[in-house]
Amino acid sequence: MNAEKIQVGHRYLCRAIGLKETVEGEVISKFERCSILYVKNFDPCDKVPVVEKASKVVARYCDFISEA
């Protein structure tokens, strides 16, 4: 997806940096090439990194899959 289609406050499925599987998260901040998301749903194999990151992850716009 491109940055123009991503909106703050909306939920998206994406591949976040540092996680193995896709996550569902709400965009809380946008930057030039990436966004910060608050993780709402994730695969159990990613529990430790999600908890360590306080449920906030970074995802590049090219790694966004779809709106949730």
PDB file of N, CA and C in Angstrom:
ATOM      1  N   MET A   1       0.849  -1.178   0.000  1.00  0.00           N
ATOM      2  CA  MET A   1       0.000   0.000   0.000  1.00  0.00           C
ATOM      3  C   MET A   1       0.892   1.238   0.000  1.00  0.00           C
ATOM      4  N   ASN A   2       0.371   2.319  -0.507  1.00  0.00           N
ATOM      5  CA  ASN A   2       1.159   3.547  -0.477  1.00  0.00           C
ATOM      6  C   ASN A   2       0.727   4.432   0.690  1.00  0.00           C
ATOM      7  N   ALA A   3       1.605   5.330   1.081  1.00  0.00           N
ATOM      8  CA  ALA A   3       1.418   6.147   2.285  1.00  0.00           C
ATOM      9  C   ALA A   3       0.129   6.965   2.254  1.00  0.00           C
ATOM     10  N   GLU A   4      -0.292   7.404   1.088  1.00  0.00           N
ATOM     11  CA  GLU A   4      -1.487   8.237   0.983  1.00  0.00           C
ATOM     12  C   GLU A   4      -2.755   7.493   1.406  1.00  0.00           C
ATOM     13  N   LYS A   5      -2.775   6.176   1.236  1.00  0.00           N
ATOM     14  CA  LYS A   5      -3.956   5.380   1.584  1.00  0.00           C
ATOM     15  C   LYS A   5      -4.020   5.022   3.068  1.00  0.00           C
ATOM     16  N   ILE A   6      -2.896   5.118   3.760  1.00  0.00           N
ATOM     17  CA  ILE A   6      -2.835   4.771   5.178  1.00  0.00           C
ATOM     18  C   ILE A   6      -3.340   5.953   5.995  1.00  0.00           C
ATOM     19  N   GLN A   7      -4.269   5.695   6.927  1.00  0.00           N
ATOM     20  CA  GLN A   7      -4.831   6.764   7.741  1.00  0.00           C
ATOM     21  C   GLN A   7      -4.615   6.482   9.226  1.00  0.00           C
ATOM     22  N   VAL A   8      -4.259   7.513   9.960  1.00  0.00           N
ATOM     23  CA  VAL A   8      -4.079   7.400  11.407  1.00  0.00           C
ATOM     24  C   VAL A   8      -5.430   7.047  12.032  1.00  0.00           C
ATOM     25  N   GLY A   9      -5.412   6.089  12.958  1.00  0.00           N
ATOM     26  CA  GLY A   9      -6.627   5.667  13.639  1.00  0.00           C
ATOM     27  C   GLY A   9      -7.314   4.471  13.006  1.00  0.00           C
ATOM     28  N   HIS A  10      -6.880   4.061  11.822  1.00  0.00           N
ATOM     29  CA  HIS A  10      -7.461   2.900  11.149  1.00  0.00           C
ATOM     30  C   HIS A  10      -6.608   1.671  11.431  1.00  0.00           C
ATOM     31  N   ARG A  11      -7.238   0.495  11.339  1.00  0.00           N
ATOM     32  CA  ARG A  11      -6.540  -0.780  11.565  1.00  0.00           C
ATOM     33  C   ARG A  11      -6.122  -1.401  10.235  1.00  0.00           C
ATOM     34  N   TYR A  12      -4.918  -1.997  10.248  1.00  0.00           N
ATOM     35  CA  TYR A  12      -4.372  -2.631   9.051  1.00  0.00           C
ATOM     36  C   TYR A  12      -3.684  -3.942   9.419  1.00  0.00           C
ATOM     37  N   LEU A  13      -3.646  -4.854   8.449  1.00  0.00           N
ATOM     38  CA  LEU A  13      -2.823  -6.053   8.539  1.00  0.00           C
ATOM     39  C   LEU A  13      -1.492  -5.715   7.890  1.00  0.00           C
ATOM     40  N   CYS A  14      -0.397  -6.070   8.566  1.00  0.00           N
ATOM     41  CA  CYS A  14       0.906  -5.762   7.996  1.00  0.00           C
ATOM     42  C   CYS A  14       1.972  -6.689   8.564  1.00  0.00           C
ATOM     43  N   ARG A  15       3.144  -6.613   7.956  1.00  0.00           N
ATOM     44  CA  ARG A  15       4.319  -7.329   8.447  1.00  0.00           C
ATOM     45  C   ARG A  15       5.209  -6.295   9.130  1.00  0.00           C
ATOM     46  N   ALA A  16       5.247  -6.320  10.434  1.00  0.00           N
ATOM     47  CA  ALA A  16       6.023  -5.337  11.193  1.00  0.00           C
ATOM     48  C   ALA A  16       7.491  -5.741  11.254  1.00  0.00           C
ATOM     49  N   ILE A  17       8.352  -4.766  11.368  1.00  0.00           N
ATOM     50  CA  ILE A  17       9.793  -5.004  11.478  1.00  0.00           C
ATOM     51  C   ILE A  17      10.085  -5.730  12.789  1.00  0.00           C
ATOM     52  N   GLY A  18      10.808  -6.842  12.700  1.00  0.00           N
ATOM     53  CA  GLY A  18      11.209  -7.599  13.879  1.00  0.00           C
ATOM     54  C   GLY A  18      10.255  -8.697  14.300  1.00  0.00           C
ATOM     55  N   LEU A  19       9.126  -8.853  13.595  1.00  0.00           N
ATOM     56  CA  LEU A  19       8.166  -9.909  13.920  1.00  0.00           C
ATOM     57  C   LEU A  19       8.160 -10.938  12.808  1.00  0.00           C
ATOM     58  N   LYS A  20       7.804 -12.187  13.157  1.00  0.00           N
ATOM     59  CA  LYS A  20       7.813 -13.274  12.179  1.00  0.00           C
ATOM     60  C   LYS A  20       6.538 -13.325  11.347  1.00  0.00           C
ATOM     61  N   GLU A  21       5.397 -13.067  11.964  1.00  0.00           N
ATOM     62  CA  GLU A  21       4.104 -13.194  11.286  1.00  0.00           C
ATOM     63  C   GLU A  21       3.429 -11.831  11.142  1.00  0.00           C
ATOM     64  N   THR A  22       2.312 -11.825  10.417  1.00  0.00           N
ATOM     65  CA  THR A  22       1.569 -10.576  10.239  1.00  0.00           C
ATOM     66  C   THR A  22       0.849 -10.209  11.533  1.00  0.00           C
ATOM     67  N   VAL A  23       0.615  -8.920  11.690  1.00  0.00           N
ATOM     68  CA  VAL A  23      -0.116  -8.415  12.848  1.00  0.00           C
ATOM     69  C   VAL A  23      -1.241  -7.507  12.380  1.00  0.00           C
ATOM     70  N   GLU A  24      -2.234  -7.336  13.253  1.00  0.00           N
ATOM     71  CA  GLU A  24      -3.275  -6.349  13.020  1.00  0.00           C
ATOM     72  C   GLU A  24      -2.999  -5.224  14.001  1.00  0.00           C
ATOM     73  N   GLY A  25      -2.914  -4.013  13.487  1.00  0.00           N
ATOM     74  CA  GLY A  25      -2.614  -2.896  14.368  1.00  0.00           C
ATOM     75  C   GLY A  25      -3.281  -1.615  13.923  1.00  0.00           C
ATOM     76  N   GLU A  26      -3.397  -0.699  14.874  1.00  0.00           N
ATOM     77  CA  GLU A  26      -3.977   0.617  14.613  1.00  0.00           C
ATOM     78  C   GLU A  26      -2.843   1.618  14.433  1.00  0.00           C
ATOM     79  N   VAL A  27      -2.878   2.365  13.341  1.00  0.00           N
ATOM     80  CA  VAL A  27      -1.836   3.349  13.061  1.00  0.00           C
ATOM     81  C   VAL A  27      -1.950   4.498  14.064  1.00  0.00           C
ATOM     82  N   ILE A  28      -0.847   4.765  14.768  1.00  0.00           N
ATOM     83  CA  ILE A  28      -0.857   5.861  15.731  1.00  0.00           C
ATOM     84  C   ILE A  28       0.023   7.026  15.284  1.00  0.00           C
ATOM     85  N   SER A  29       0.893   6.790  14.308  1.00  0.00           N
ATOM     86  CA  SER A  29       1.753   7.852  13.807  1.00  0.00           C
ATOM     87  C   SER A  29       2.263   7.484  12.415  1.00  0.00           C
ATOM     88  N   LYS A  30       2.393   8.493  11.558  1.00  0.00           N
ATOM     89  CA  LYS A  30       2.905   8.275  10.202  1.00  0.00           C
ATOM     90  C   LYS A  30       4.180   9.073   9.991  1.00  0.00           C
ATOM     91  N   PHE A  31       5.101   8.485   9.228  1.00  0.00           N
ATOM     92  CA  PHE A  31       6.339   9.134   8.851  1.00  0.00           C
ATOM     93  C   PHE A  31       6.494   9.029   7.338  1.00  0.00           C
ATOM     94  N   GLU A  32       7.618   9.467   6.830  1.00  0.00           N
ATOM     95  CA  GLU A  32       7.823   9.484   5.385  1.00  0.00           C
ATOM     96  C   GLU A  32       7.777   8.089   4.762  1.00  0.00           C
ATOM     97  N   ARG A  33       8.408   7.104   5.390  1.00  0.00           N
ATOM     98  CA  ARG A  33       8.497   5.761   4.805  1.00  0.00           C
ATOM     99  C   ARG A  33       7.910   4.646   5.656  1.00  0.00           C
ATOM    100  N   CYS A  34       7.415   4.969   6.846  1.00  0.00           N
ATOM    101  CA  CYS A  34       6.897   3.934   7.738  1.00  0.00           C
ATOM    102  C   CYS A  34       5.858   4.514   8.686  1.00  0.00           C
ATOM    103  N   SER A  35       5.223   3.637   9.440  1.00  0.00           N
ATOM    104  CA  SER A  35       4.231   4.029  10.440  1.00  0.00           C
ATOM    105  C   SER A  35       4.489   3.284  11.733  1.00  0.00           C
ATOM    106  N   ILE A  36       4.002   3.849  12.825  1.00  0.00           N
ATOM    107  CA  ILE A  36       4.007   3.169  14.115  1.00  0.00           C
ATOM    108  C   ILE A  36       2.590   2.686  14.356  1.00  0.00           C
ATOM    109  N   LEU A  37       2.467   1.415  14.727  1.00  0.00           N
ATOM    110  CA  LEU A  37       1.159   0.828  14.984  1.00  0.00           C
ATOM    111  C   LEU A  37       1.080   0.307  16.406  1.00  0.00           C
ATOM    112  N   TYR A  38      -0.116   0.392  16.981  1.00  0.00           N
ATOM    113  CA  TYR A  38      -0.410  -0.239  18.261  1.00  0.00           C
ATOM    114  C   TYR A  38      -1.006  -1.603  17.938  1.00  0.00           C
ATOM    115  N   VAL A  39      -0.344  -2.665  18.329  1.00  0.00           N
ATOM    116  CA  VAL A  39      -0.740  -4.026  17.963  1.00  0.00           C
ATOM    117  C   VAL A  39      -2.027  -4.425  18.685  1.00  0.00           C
ATOM    118  N   LYS A  40      -3.011  -4.884  17.912  1.00  0.00           N
ATOM    119  CA  LYS A  40      -4.288  -5.354  18.461  1.00  0.00           C
ATOM    120  C   LYS A  40      -4.361  -6.882  18.456  1.00  0.00           C
ATOM    121  N   ASN A  41      -3.902  -7.512  17.382  1.00  0.00           N
ATOM    122  CA  ASN A  41      -3.900  -8.977  17.266  1.00  0.00           C
ATOM    123  C   ASN A  41      -2.576  -9.426  16.662  1.00  0.00           C
ATOM    124  N   PHE A  42      -2.045 -10.556  17.179  1.00  0.00           N
ATOM    125  CA  PHE A  42      -0.771 -11.063  16.683  1.00  0.00           C
ATOM    126  C   PHE A  42      -0.714 -12.574  16.854  1.00  0.00           C
ATOM    127  N   ASP A  43       0.201 -13.205  16.151  1.00  0.00           N
ATOM    128  CA  ASP A  43       0.424 -14.638  16.244  1.00  0.00           C
ATOM    129  C   ASP A  43       1.128 -14.944  17.572  1.00  0.00           C
ATOM    130  N   PRO A  44       0.768 -16.038  18.240  1.00  0.00           N
ATOM    131  CA  PRO A  44       1.409 -16.386  19.519  1.00  0.00           C
ATOM    132  C   PRO A  44       2.939 -16.487  19.451  1.00  0.00           C
ATOM    133  N   CYS A  45       3.488 -16.829  18.299  1.00  0.00           N
ATOM    134  CA  CYS A  45       4.947 -16.938  18.197  1.00  0.00           C
ATOM    135  C   CYS A  45       5.631 -15.568  18.330  1.00  0.00           C
ATOM    136  N   ASP A  46       4.882 -14.497  18.177  1.00  0.00           N
ATOM    137  CA  ASP A  46       5.434 -13.146  18.287  1.00  0.00           C
ATOM    138  C   ASP A  46       5.133 -12.487  19.632  1.00  0.00           C
ATOM    139  N   LYS A  47       4.673 -13.260  20.612  1.00  0.00           N
ATOM    140  CA  LYS A  47       4.269 -12.680  21.897  1.00  0.00           C
ATOM    141  C   LYS A  47       5.414 -11.940  22.590  1.00  0.00           C
ATOM    142  N   VAL A  48       6.578 -12.557  22.677  1.00  0.00           N
ATOM    143  CA  VAL A  48       7.702 -11.950  23.394  1.00  0.00           C
ATOM    144  C   VAL A  48       8.116 -10.619  22.760  1.00  0.00           C
ATOM    145  N   PRO A  49       8.356 -10.558  21.441  1.00  0.00           N
ATOM    146  CA  PRO A  49       8.745  -9.260  20.869  1.00  0.00           C
ATOM    147  C   PRO A  49       7.653  -8.188  20.998  1.00  0.00           C
ATOM    148  N   VAL A  50       6.396  -8.588  20.883  1.00  0.00           N
ATOM    149  CA  VAL A  50       5.303  -7.611  21.009  1.00  0.00           C
ATOM    150  C   VAL A  50       5.277  -7.045  22.424  1.00  0.00           C
ATOM    151  N   VAL A  51       5.420  -7.900  23.426  1.00  0.00           N
ATOM    152  CA  VAL A  51       5.424  -7.439  24.818  1.00  0.00           C
ATOM    153  C   VAL A  51       6.652  -6.558  25.081  1.00  0.00           C
ATOM    154  N   GLU A  52       7.810  -6.957  24.566  1.00  0.00           N
ATOM    155  CA  GLU A  52       9.035  -6.172  24.758  1.00  0.00           C
ATOM    156  C   GLU A  52       8.929  -4.787  24.130  1.00  0.00           C
ATOM    157  N   LYS A  53       8.158  -4.684  23.056  1.00  0.00           N
ATOM    158  CA  LYS A  53       7.995  -3.403  22.361  1.00  0.00           C
ATOM    159  C   LYS A  53       6.779  -2.628  22.868  1.00  0.00           C
ATOM    160  N   ALA A  54       6.185  -3.063  23.974  1.00  0.00           N
ATOM    161  CA  ALA A  54       5.014  -2.408  24.573  1.00  0.00           C
ATOM    162  C   ALA A  54       3.863  -2.307  23.563  1.00  0.00           C
ATOM    163  N   SER A  55       3.724  -3.317  22.730  1.00  0.00           N
ATOM    164  CA  SER A  55       2.663  -3.421  21.720  1.00  0.00           C
ATOM    165  C   SER A  55       2.733  -2.341  20.643  1.00  0.00           C
ATOM    166  N   LYS A  56       3.874  -1.676  20.518  1.00  0.00           N
ATOM    167  CA  LYS A  56       4.051  -0.670  19.470  1.00  0.00           C
ATOM    168  C   LYS A  56       5.141  -1.145  18.527  1.00  0.00           C
ATOM    169  N   VAL A  57       4.811  -1.213  17.240  1.00  0.00           N
ATOM    170  CA  VAL A  57       5.752  -1.717  16.242  1.00  0.00           C
ATOM    171  C   VAL A  57       5.840  -0.752  15.069  1.00  0.00           C
ATOM    172  N   VAL A  58       6.896  -0.913  14.293  1.00  0.00           N
ATOM    173  CA  VAL A  58       7.118  -0.105  13.103  1.00  0.00           C
ATOM    174  C   VAL A  58       6.904  -0.984  11.874  1.00  0.00           C
ATOM    175  N   ALA A  59       6.221  -0.432  10.876  1.00  0.00           N
ATOM    176  CA  ALA A  59       6.026  -1.160   9.615  1.00  0.00           C
ATOM    177  C   ALA A  59       6.237  -0.209   8.443  1.00  0.00           C
ATOM    178  N   ARG A  60       6.975  -0.673   7.451  1.00  0.00           N
ATOM    179  CA  ARG A  60       7.145   0.108   6.228  1.00  0.00           C
ATOM    180  C   ARG A  60       5.841   0.058   5.430  1.00  0.00           C
ATOM    181  N   TYR A  61       5.566   1.094   4.677  1.00  0.00           N
ATOM    182  CA  TYR A  61       4.321   1.133   3.904  1.00  0.00           C
ATOM    183  C   TYR A  61       4.231  -0.002   2.892  1.00  0.00           C
ATOM    184  N   CYS A  62       5.356  -0.445   2.373  1.00  0.00           N
ATOM    185  CA  CYS A  62       5.338  -1.544   1.409  1.00  0.00           C
ATOM    186  C   CYS A  62       4.967  -2.873   2.092  1.00  0.00           C
ATOM    187  N   ASP A  63       5.017  -2.930   3.421  1.00  0.00           N
ATOM    188  CA  ASP A  63       4.674  -4.156   4.156  1.00  0.00           C
ATOM    189  C   ASP A  63       3.233  -4.177   4.659  1.00  0.00           C
ATOM    190  N   PHE A  64       2.448  -3.143   4.355  1.00  0.00           N
ATOM    191  CA  PHE A  64       1.036  -3.141   4.695  1.00  0.00           C
ATOM    192  C   PHE A  64       0.310  -4.040   3.704  1.00  0.00           C
ATOM    193  N   ILE A  65      -0.579  -4.902   4.208  1.00  0.00           N
ATOM    194  CA  ILE A  65      -1.268  -5.860   3.354  1.00  0.00           C
ATOM    195  C   ILE A  65      -2.661  -5.373   2.984  1.00  0.00           C
ATOM    196  N   SER A  66      -3.463  -5.032   3.993  1.00  0.00           N
ATOM    197  CA  SER A  66      -4.823  -4.572   3.729  1.00  0.00           C
ATOM    198  C   SER A  66      -5.388  -3.899   4.970  1.00  0.00           C
ATOM    199  N   GLU A  67      -6.507  -3.227   4.791  1.00  0.00           N
ATOM    200  CA  GLU A  67      -7.198  -2.645   5.937  1.00  0.00           C
ATOM    201  C   GLU A  67      -7.938  -3.759   6.649  1.00  0.00           C
ATOM    202  N   ALA A  68      -7.910  -3.742   7.968  1.00  0.00           N
ATOM    203  CA  ALA A  68      -8.545  -4.807   8.756  1.00  0.00           C
ATOM    204  C   ALA A  68      -9.987  -4.464   9.073  1.00  0.00           C
TER     205      ALA A  68
END
